[in-house]
Amino acid sequence: MALFLPDANVLIHALRKDAAEHAPCRQWLTKTADLGDAIGMCELVEVALLRIPTLPKLQLVPMDEMLGFWRNDLWSYPGTRRLVASGGHNALLAGLITGLKLCGNDINDAWLAALAIGHRATLVSTDRGFARFPGLKWINPINPL
């Protein structure tokens, strides 16, 4: 059984039927669940999932729909489990930050990359910037290679 850590962008696209990226992201999510692979969730992704599509200036998804997707859909998959930062996470994170000279918004990506590496999970994101992290297994459901 494989373990996948989806980025918020994949989950937002999977939810939003009007998004150009909806079909491949929803197919990835459905296929992963159907195959019995594990879907790892973490607070950083969950907060972004709840925050971004419900921003008043974007108004992409009503809050009740967002909460339903988060609580009822994602957490109802049998393979969904919580991933937490382990004892080695801080060292991994610091190594990525210093090794790649990261700052600002790139720190969130480094935190997710370190979490995936620490759990031997494959990160799933439409953000091509994850390719820069050494030791990270990463796939893009829109352009899988």
N, C-alpha and C. Protein backbone atom coordinates (compact mmCIF):
# COMPACT_ATOMS: atom_id res chain seq x y z
N MET A 1 0.85 -1.18 0.00
CA MET A 1 0.00 0.00 0.00
C MET A 1 0.89 1.24 0.00
N ALA A 2 0.61 2.15 -0.90
CA ALA A 2 1.34 3.41 -1.00
C ALA A 2 0.72 4.45 -0.07
N LEU A 3 1.52 5.41 0.33
CA LEU A 3 1.07 6.52 1.16
C LEU A 3 1.26 7.82 0.39
N PHE A 4 0.20 8.59 0.24
CA PHE A 4 0.23 9.85 -0.48
C PHE A 4 -0.14 11.00 0.44
N LEU A 5 0.56 12.12 0.27
CA LEU A 5 0.27 13.35 1.01
C LEU A 5 -0.17 14.39 -0.02
N PRO A 6 -1.48 14.63 -0.15
CA PRO A 6 -1.92 15.62 -1.13
C PRO A 6 -1.74 17.04 -0.61
N ASP A 7 -1.30 17.90 -1.51
CA ASP A 7 -1.21 19.34 -1.24
C ASP A 7 -2.63 19.90 -1.33
N ALA A 8 -2.85 21.04 -0.71
CA ALA A 8 -4.19 21.66 -0.73
C ALA A 8 -4.67 21.94 -2.15
N ASN A 9 -3.75 22.29 -3.07
CA ASN A 9 -4.20 22.62 -4.42
C ASN A 9 -4.86 21.42 -5.10
N VAL A 10 -4.38 20.23 -4.88
CA VAL A 10 -4.98 19.03 -5.47
C VAL A 10 -6.38 18.81 -4.90
N LEU A 11 -6.52 18.98 -3.60
CA LEU A 11 -7.82 18.77 -2.96
C LEU A 11 -8.83 19.84 -3.38
N ILE A 12 -8.37 21.08 -3.50
CA ILE A 12 -9.26 22.16 -3.94
C ILE A 12 -9.72 21.91 -5.37
N HIS A 13 -8.81 21.51 -6.25
CA HIS A 13 -9.20 21.19 -7.63
C HIS A 13 -10.14 20.00 -7.67
N ALA A 14 -9.91 19.01 -6.82
CA ALA A 14 -10.78 17.82 -6.79
C ALA A 14 -12.20 18.18 -6.37
N LEU A 15 -12.34 19.18 -5.55
CA LEU A 15 -13.66 19.62 -5.08
C LEU A 15 -14.37 20.50 -6.10
N ARG A 16 -13.66 21.42 -6.71
CA ARG A 16 -14.26 22.45 -7.56
C ARG A 16 -14.52 21.92 -8.98
N LYS A 17 -15.75 21.62 -9.26
CA LYS A 17 -16.12 21.10 -10.58
C LYS A 17 -15.87 22.10 -11.70
N ASP A 18 -15.82 23.39 -11.37
CA ASP A 18 -15.58 24.42 -12.39
C ASP A 18 -14.09 24.65 -12.67
N ALA A 19 -13.22 24.00 -11.94
CA ALA A 19 -11.78 24.18 -12.14
C ALA A 19 -11.30 23.37 -13.33
N ALA A 20 -10.42 23.94 -14.12
CA ALA A 20 -9.86 23.24 -15.29
C ALA A 20 -9.14 21.96 -14.86
N GLU A 21 -8.57 21.97 -13.66
CA GLU A 21 -7.81 20.83 -13.15
C GLU A 21 -8.67 19.82 -12.40
N HIS A 22 -9.99 20.03 -12.38
CA HIS A 22 -10.88 19.19 -11.58
C HIS A 22 -10.78 17.70 -11.95
N ALA A 23 -10.96 17.39 -13.22
CA ALA A 23 -11.03 15.98 -13.63
C ALA A 23 -9.79 15.17 -13.23
N PRO A 24 -8.58 15.60 -13.58
CA PRO A 24 -7.43 14.76 -13.20
C PRO A 24 -7.21 14.69 -11.68
N CYS A 25 -7.50 15.76 -10.97
CA CYS A 25 -7.32 15.73 -9.52
C CYS A 25 -8.37 14.85 -8.85
N ARG A 26 -9.60 14.94 -9.29
CA ARG A 26 -10.67 14.09 -8.74
C ARG A 26 -10.41 12.64 -9.08
N GLN A 27 -9.95 12.37 -10.32
CA GLN A 27 -9.64 11.00 -10.71
C GLN A 27 -8.51 10.43 -9.86
N TRP A 28 -7.48 11.25 -9.61
CA TRP A 28 -6.38 10.77 -8.77
C TRP A 28 -6.91 10.41 -7.38
N LEU A 29 -7.71 11.29 -6.78
CA LEU A 29 -8.23 11.07 -5.44
C LEU A 29 -9.10 9.82 -5.39
N THR A 30 -9.99 9.68 -6.36
CA THR A 30 -10.89 8.52 -6.41
C THR A 30 -10.11 7.23 -6.63
N LYS A 31 -9.17 7.25 -7.57
CA LYS A 31 -8.37 6.06 -7.86
C LYS A 31 -7.54 5.64 -6.66
N THR A 32 -6.94 6.61 -5.99
CA THR A 32 -6.13 6.32 -4.80
C THR A 32 -6.98 5.65 -3.73
N ALA A 33 -8.16 6.19 -3.49
CA ALA A 33 -9.06 5.60 -2.49
C ALA A 33 -9.52 4.21 -2.93
N ASP A 34 -9.88 4.06 -4.21
CA ASP A 34 -10.35 2.77 -4.72
C ASP A 34 -9.28 1.68 -4.64
N LEU A 35 -8.02 2.07 -4.84
CA LEU A 35 -6.92 1.10 -4.77
C LEU A 35 -6.57 0.72 -3.34
N GLY A 36 -7.12 1.45 -2.38
CA GLY A 36 -6.83 1.18 -0.98
C GLY A 36 -5.53 1.79 -0.50
N ASP A 37 -4.97 2.69 -1.30
CA ASP A 37 -3.76 3.38 -0.86
C ASP A 37 -4.12 4.36 0.25
N ALA A 38 -3.14 4.71 1.04
CA ALA A 38 -3.37 5.62 2.17
C ALA A 38 -3.25 7.07 1.72
N ILE A 39 -4.14 7.90 2.24
CA ILE A 39 -4.11 9.33 2.01
C ILE A 39 -3.75 9.98 3.34
N GLY A 40 -2.60 10.63 3.36
CA GLY A 40 -2.15 11.30 4.57
C GLY A 40 -2.63 12.73 4.61
N MET A 41 -3.18 13.13 5.72
CA MET A 41 -3.64 14.51 5.91
C MET A 41 -2.84 15.12 7.05
N CYS A 42 -2.58 16.42 6.94
CA CYS A 42 -1.89 17.14 8.01
C CYS A 42 -2.58 18.48 8.19
N GLU A 43 -2.37 19.06 9.36
CA GLU A 43 -3.05 20.32 9.69
C GLU A 43 -2.73 21.44 8.71
N LEU A 44 -1.49 21.52 8.24
CA LEU A 44 -1.11 22.59 7.33
C LEU A 44 -1.95 22.55 6.05
N VAL A 45 -2.15 21.37 5.49
CA VAL A 45 -2.96 21.21 4.28
C VAL A 45 -4.43 21.44 4.60
N GLU A 46 -4.89 20.92 5.71
CA GLU A 46 -6.31 21.06 6.04
C GLU A 46 -6.70 22.52 6.26
N VAL A 47 -5.85 23.28 6.93
CA VAL A 47 -6.15 24.69 7.15
C VAL A 47 -6.17 25.44 5.82
N ALA A 48 -5.21 25.15 4.94
CA ALA A 48 -5.19 25.79 3.62
C ALA A 48 -6.43 25.40 2.82
N LEU A 49 -6.84 24.14 2.92
CA LEU A 49 -8.03 23.67 2.22
C LEU A 49 -9.28 24.41 2.68
N LEU A 50 -9.38 24.67 3.95
CA LEU A 50 -10.54 25.40 4.47
C LEU A 50 -10.44 26.90 4.23
N ARG A 51 -9.23 27.43 4.21
CA ARG A 51 -9.02 28.88 4.11
C ARG A 51 -9.12 29.40 2.67
N ILE A 52 -8.36 28.84 1.77
CA ILE A 52 -8.21 29.41 0.43
C ILE A 52 -9.52 29.49 -0.35
N PRO A 53 -10.27 28.40 -0.52
CA PRO A 53 -11.48 28.50 -1.35
C PRO A 53 -12.61 29.31 -0.72
N THR A 54 -12.50 29.59 0.58
CA THR A 54 -13.57 30.34 1.25
C THR A 54 -13.19 31.80 1.50
N LEU A 55 -12.04 32.23 0.97
CA LEU A 55 -11.68 33.64 1.10
C LEU A 55 -12.76 34.51 0.48
N PRO A 56 -13.23 35.53 1.18
CA PRO A 56 -14.30 36.37 0.63
C PRO A 56 -13.99 36.95 -0.74
N LYS A 57 -12.73 37.30 -1.00
CA LYS A 57 -12.40 37.89 -2.30
C LYS A 57 -12.43 36.85 -3.42
N LEU A 58 -12.27 35.57 -3.09
CA LEU A 58 -12.32 34.51 -4.11
C LEU A 58 -13.70 33.89 -4.24
N GLN A 59 -14.33 33.61 -3.10
CA GLN A 59 -15.65 32.99 -3.05
C GLN A 59 -15.75 31.79 -4.00
N LEU A 60 -14.80 30.87 -3.88
CA LEU A 60 -14.76 29.70 -4.75
C LEU A 60 -15.72 28.60 -4.31
N VAL A 61 -15.84 28.43 -3.00
CA VAL A 61 -16.65 27.34 -2.45
C VAL A 61 -17.33 27.84 -1.18
N PRO A 62 -18.64 27.62 -1.05
CA PRO A 62 -19.31 27.98 0.21
C PRO A 62 -18.75 27.15 1.37
N MET A 63 -18.70 27.74 2.55
CA MET A 63 -18.12 27.07 3.71
C MET A 63 -18.80 25.74 4.02
N ASP A 64 -20.12 25.64 3.91
CA ASP A 64 -20.77 24.36 4.23
C ASP A 64 -20.35 23.26 3.26
N GLU A 65 -20.16 23.60 1.99
CA GLU A 65 -19.68 22.62 1.01
C GLU A 65 -18.24 22.22 1.32
N MET A 66 -17.43 23.21 1.69
CA MET A 66 -16.03 22.95 2.03
C MET A 66 -15.94 22.04 3.24
N LEU A 67 -16.71 22.35 4.29
CA LEU A 67 -16.69 21.52 5.49
C LEU A 67 -17.17 20.10 5.20
N GLY A 68 -18.18 19.96 4.35
CA GLY A 68 -18.67 18.63 3.98
C GLY A 68 -17.61 17.82 3.26
N PHE A 69 -16.91 18.44 2.32
CA PHE A 69 -15.84 17.75 1.60
C PHE A 69 -14.73 17.33 2.55
N TRP A 70 -14.34 18.24 3.43
CA TRP A 70 -13.26 17.95 4.37
C TRP A 70 -13.65 16.86 5.37
N ARG A 71 -14.79 17.04 6.04
CA ARG A 71 -15.19 16.11 7.10
C ARG A 71 -15.74 14.80 6.55
N ASN A 72 -16.63 14.90 5.57
CA ASN A 72 -17.38 13.72 5.13
C ASN A 72 -16.72 12.97 3.99
N ASP A 73 -16.10 13.68 3.06
CA ASP A 73 -15.48 12.99 1.93
C ASP A 73 -14.07 12.51 2.28
N LEU A 74 -13.18 13.45 2.57
CA LEU A 74 -11.78 13.09 2.79
C LEU A 74 -11.60 12.14 3.96
N TRP A 75 -12.24 12.41 5.06
CA TRP A 75 -12.05 11.56 6.24
C TRP A 75 -12.90 10.30 6.22
N SER A 76 -13.72 10.12 5.18
CA SER A 76 -14.49 8.87 5.09
C SER A 76 -13.75 7.80 4.30
N TYR A 77 -12.69 8.17 3.56
CA TYR A 77 -11.91 7.16 2.86
C TYR A 77 -11.25 6.26 3.89
N PRO A 78 -11.34 4.93 3.71
CA PRO A 78 -10.76 4.02 4.70
C PRO A 78 -9.26 4.23 4.92
N GLY A 79 -8.54 4.67 3.88
CA GLY A 79 -7.10 4.82 4.00
C GLY A 79 -6.63 6.18 4.47
N THR A 80 -7.54 7.06 4.84
CA THR A 80 -7.12 8.40 5.29
C THR A 80 -6.58 8.32 6.71
N ARG A 81 -5.43 8.93 6.89
CA ARG A 81 -4.84 8.94 8.22
C ARG A 81 -4.10 10.24 8.44
N ARG A 82 -3.87 10.56 9.71
CA ARG A 82 -3.21 11.80 10.11
C ARG A 82 -1.69 11.60 10.06
N LEU A 83 -0.99 12.51 9.39
CA LEU A 83 0.46 12.53 9.41
C LEU A 83 0.91 13.69 10.31
N VAL A 84 1.81 13.41 11.20
CA VAL A 84 2.33 14.45 12.09
C VAL A 84 3.85 14.50 11.95
N ALA A 85 4.39 15.64 12.25
CA ALA A 85 5.84 15.81 12.19
C ALA A 85 6.48 14.95 13.27
N SER A 86 7.47 14.16 12.86
CA SER A 86 8.16 13.27 13.79
C SER A 86 9.37 13.97 14.39
N GLY A 87 10.10 13.25 15.19
CA GLY A 87 11.27 13.81 15.84
C GLY A 87 12.33 14.31 14.86
N GLY A 88 12.44 13.69 13.69
CA GLY A 88 13.43 14.10 12.71
C GLY A 88 12.96 15.19 11.77
N HIS A 89 11.71 15.62 11.93
CA HIS A 89 11.14 16.61 11.00
C HIS A 89 11.89 17.93 11.02
N ASN A 90 12.22 18.43 12.20
CA ASN A 90 12.89 19.73 12.30
C ASN A 90 14.24 19.72 11.59
N ALA A 91 14.98 18.63 11.73
CA ALA A 91 16.28 18.53 11.06
C ALA A 91 16.11 18.47 9.55
N LEU A 92 15.13 17.70 9.09
CA LEU A 92 14.84 17.64 7.65
C LEU A 92 14.46 19.02 7.12
N LEU A 93 13.56 19.67 7.83
CA LEU A 93 13.09 21.00 7.42
C LEU A 93 14.26 21.99 7.38
N ALA A 94 15.05 22.03 8.42
CA ALA A 94 16.18 22.96 8.46
C ALA A 94 17.16 22.68 7.33
N GLY A 95 17.38 21.40 7.05
CA GLY A 95 18.28 21.03 5.95
C GLY A 95 17.77 21.50 4.60
N LEU A 96 16.46 21.37 4.37
CA LEU A 96 15.88 21.85 3.11
C LEU A 96 15.96 23.37 3.01
N ILE A 97 15.66 24.05 4.11
CA ILE A 97 15.68 25.52 4.10
C ILE A 97 17.09 26.04 3.82
N THR A 98 18.06 25.51 4.54
CA THR A 98 19.43 26.01 4.36
C THR A 98 20.03 25.53 3.05
N GLY A 99 19.80 24.27 2.70
CA GLY A 99 20.37 23.72 1.47
C GLY A 99 19.86 24.40 0.21
N LEU A 100 18.60 24.81 0.23
CA LEU A 100 18.00 25.46 -0.95
C LEU A 100 17.89 26.97 -0.78
N LYS A 101 18.35 27.47 0.35
CA LYS A 101 18.30 28.92 0.65
C LYS A 101 16.87 29.46 0.52
N LEU A 102 15.95 28.82 1.24
CA LEU A 102 14.54 29.17 1.16
C LEU A 102 14.17 30.22 2.19
N CYS A 103 13.11 30.95 1.89
CA CYS A 103 12.55 31.91 2.84
C CYS A 103 11.10 32.19 2.43
N GLY A 104 10.40 32.91 3.27
CA GLY A 104 9.04 33.35 2.95
C GLY A 104 8.08 32.21 2.67
N ASN A 105 7.31 32.35 1.61
CA ASN A 105 6.26 31.37 1.28
C ASN A 105 6.81 29.99 0.95
N ASP A 106 8.09 29.89 0.59
CA ASP A 106 8.68 28.59 0.28
C ASP A 106 8.80 27.70 1.51
N ILE A 107 8.69 28.29 2.71
CA ILE A 107 8.82 27.52 3.94
C ILE A 107 7.67 26.52 4.07
N ASN A 108 6.45 26.91 3.69
CA ASN A 108 5.33 25.96 3.73
C ASN A 108 5.61 24.74 2.86
N ASP A 109 6.13 24.97 1.66
CA ASP A 109 6.46 23.86 0.77
C ASP A 109 7.54 22.98 1.38
N ALA A 110 8.54 23.60 1.98
CA ALA A 110 9.62 22.83 2.62
C ALA A 110 9.07 22.01 3.78
N TRP A 111 8.13 22.57 4.54
CA TRP A 111 7.54 21.86 5.67
C TRP A 111 6.80 20.61 5.16
N LEU A 112 6.01 20.78 4.08
CA LEU A 112 5.29 19.63 3.50
C LEU A 112 6.26 18.61 2.94
N ALA A 113 7.29 19.07 2.24
CA ALA A 113 8.28 18.15 1.68
C ALA A 113 8.95 17.34 2.80
N ALA A 114 9.33 18.01 3.88
CA ALA A 114 9.96 17.31 5.01
C ALA A 114 9.00 16.29 5.62
N LEU A 115 7.74 16.65 5.72
CA LEU A 115 6.75 15.71 6.27
C LEU A 115 6.62 14.48 5.38
N ALA A 116 6.54 14.69 4.08
CA ALA A 116 6.44 13.56 3.14
C ALA A 116 7.69 12.69 3.20
N ILE A 117 8.85 13.32 3.18
CA ILE A 117 10.10 12.55 3.24
C ILE A 117 10.16 11.75 4.54
N GLY A 118 9.83 12.38 5.64
CA GLY A 118 9.88 11.71 6.94
C GLY A 118 8.94 10.51 7.04
N HIS A 119 7.83 10.55 6.32
CA HIS A 119 6.86 9.45 6.35
C HIS A 119 6.99 8.52 5.15
N ARG A 120 7.99 8.78 4.32
CA ARG A 120 8.19 8.00 3.09
C ARG A 120 6.93 8.02 2.22
N ALA A 121 6.30 9.18 2.21
CA ALA A 121 5.07 9.37 1.43
C ALA A 121 5.41 10.06 0.11
N THR A 122 4.53 9.90 -0.86
CA THR A 122 4.64 10.62 -2.12
C THR A 122 3.78 11.86 -2.02
N LEU A 123 4.38 13.02 -2.21
CA LEU A 123 3.64 14.27 -2.19
C LEU A 123 2.92 14.42 -3.52
N VAL A 124 1.67 14.85 -3.48
CA VAL A 124 0.86 15.03 -4.68
C VAL A 124 0.50 16.50 -4.77
N SER A 125 0.97 17.18 -5.82
CA SER A 125 0.74 18.61 -5.96
C SER A 125 0.78 19.02 -7.42
N THR A 126 0.05 20.07 -7.74
CA THR A 126 0.15 20.65 -9.08
C THR A 126 1.24 21.71 -9.12
N ASP A 127 1.89 21.96 -8.01
CA ASP A 127 2.96 22.95 -7.89
C ASP A 127 4.28 22.30 -8.30
N ARG A 128 4.81 22.69 -9.45
CA ARG A 128 6.05 22.11 -9.97
C ARG A 128 7.27 22.45 -9.11
N GLY A 129 7.11 23.41 -8.22
CA GLY A 129 8.21 23.81 -7.35
C GLY A 129 8.67 22.69 -6.42
N PHE A 130 7.86 21.67 -6.22
CA PHE A 130 8.26 20.58 -5.34
C PHE A 130 9.37 19.72 -5.95
N ALA A 131 9.59 19.85 -7.24
CA ALA A 131 10.66 19.08 -7.90
C ALA A 131 12.04 19.45 -7.36
N ARG A 132 12.17 20.59 -6.72
CA ARG A 132 13.48 21.05 -6.25
C ARG A 132 13.95 20.39 -4.97
N PHE A 133 13.06 19.67 -4.28
CA PHE A 133 13.42 19.11 -2.98
C PHE A 133 14.09 17.75 -3.13
N PRO A 134 15.37 17.65 -2.75
CA PRO A 134 16.07 16.37 -2.85
C PRO A 134 15.47 15.34 -1.89
N GLY A 135 15.32 14.12 -2.39
CA GLY A 135 14.80 13.04 -1.57
C GLY A 135 13.29 12.97 -1.51
N LEU A 136 12.59 13.89 -2.18
CA LEU A 136 11.13 13.92 -2.15
C LEU A 136 10.57 13.14 -3.33
N LYS A 137 9.69 12.19 -3.03
CA LYS A 137 8.90 11.54 -4.09
C LYS A 137 7.70 12.44 -4.32
N TRP A 138 7.48 12.83 -5.57
CA TRP A 138 6.47 13.83 -5.90
C TRP A 138 5.81 13.48 -7.22
N ILE A 139 4.47 13.64 -7.28
CA ILE A 139 3.76 13.46 -8.54
C ILE A 139 2.79 14.63 -8.73
N ASN A 140 2.50 14.92 -9.99
CA ASN A 140 1.53 15.91 -10.38
C ASN A 140 0.39 15.17 -11.07
N PRO A 141 -0.82 15.15 -10.50
CA PRO A 141 -1.91 14.37 -11.09
C PRO A 141 -2.37 14.90 -12.45
N ILE A 142 -1.99 16.13 -12.77
CA ILE A 142 -2.39 16.72 -14.06
C ILE A 142 -1.45 16.25 -15.17
N ASN A 143 -0.19 16.16 -14.85
CA ASN A 143 0.83 15.71 -15.82
C ASN A 143 1.66 14.60 -15.22
N PRO A 144 1.07 13.42 -14.96
CA PRO A 144 1.87 12.35 -14.34
C PRO A 144 2.89 11.82 -15.34
N LEU A 145 4.07 11.54 -14.82
CA LEU A 145 5.14 11.00 -15.69
C LEU A 145 5.46 9.58 -15.31
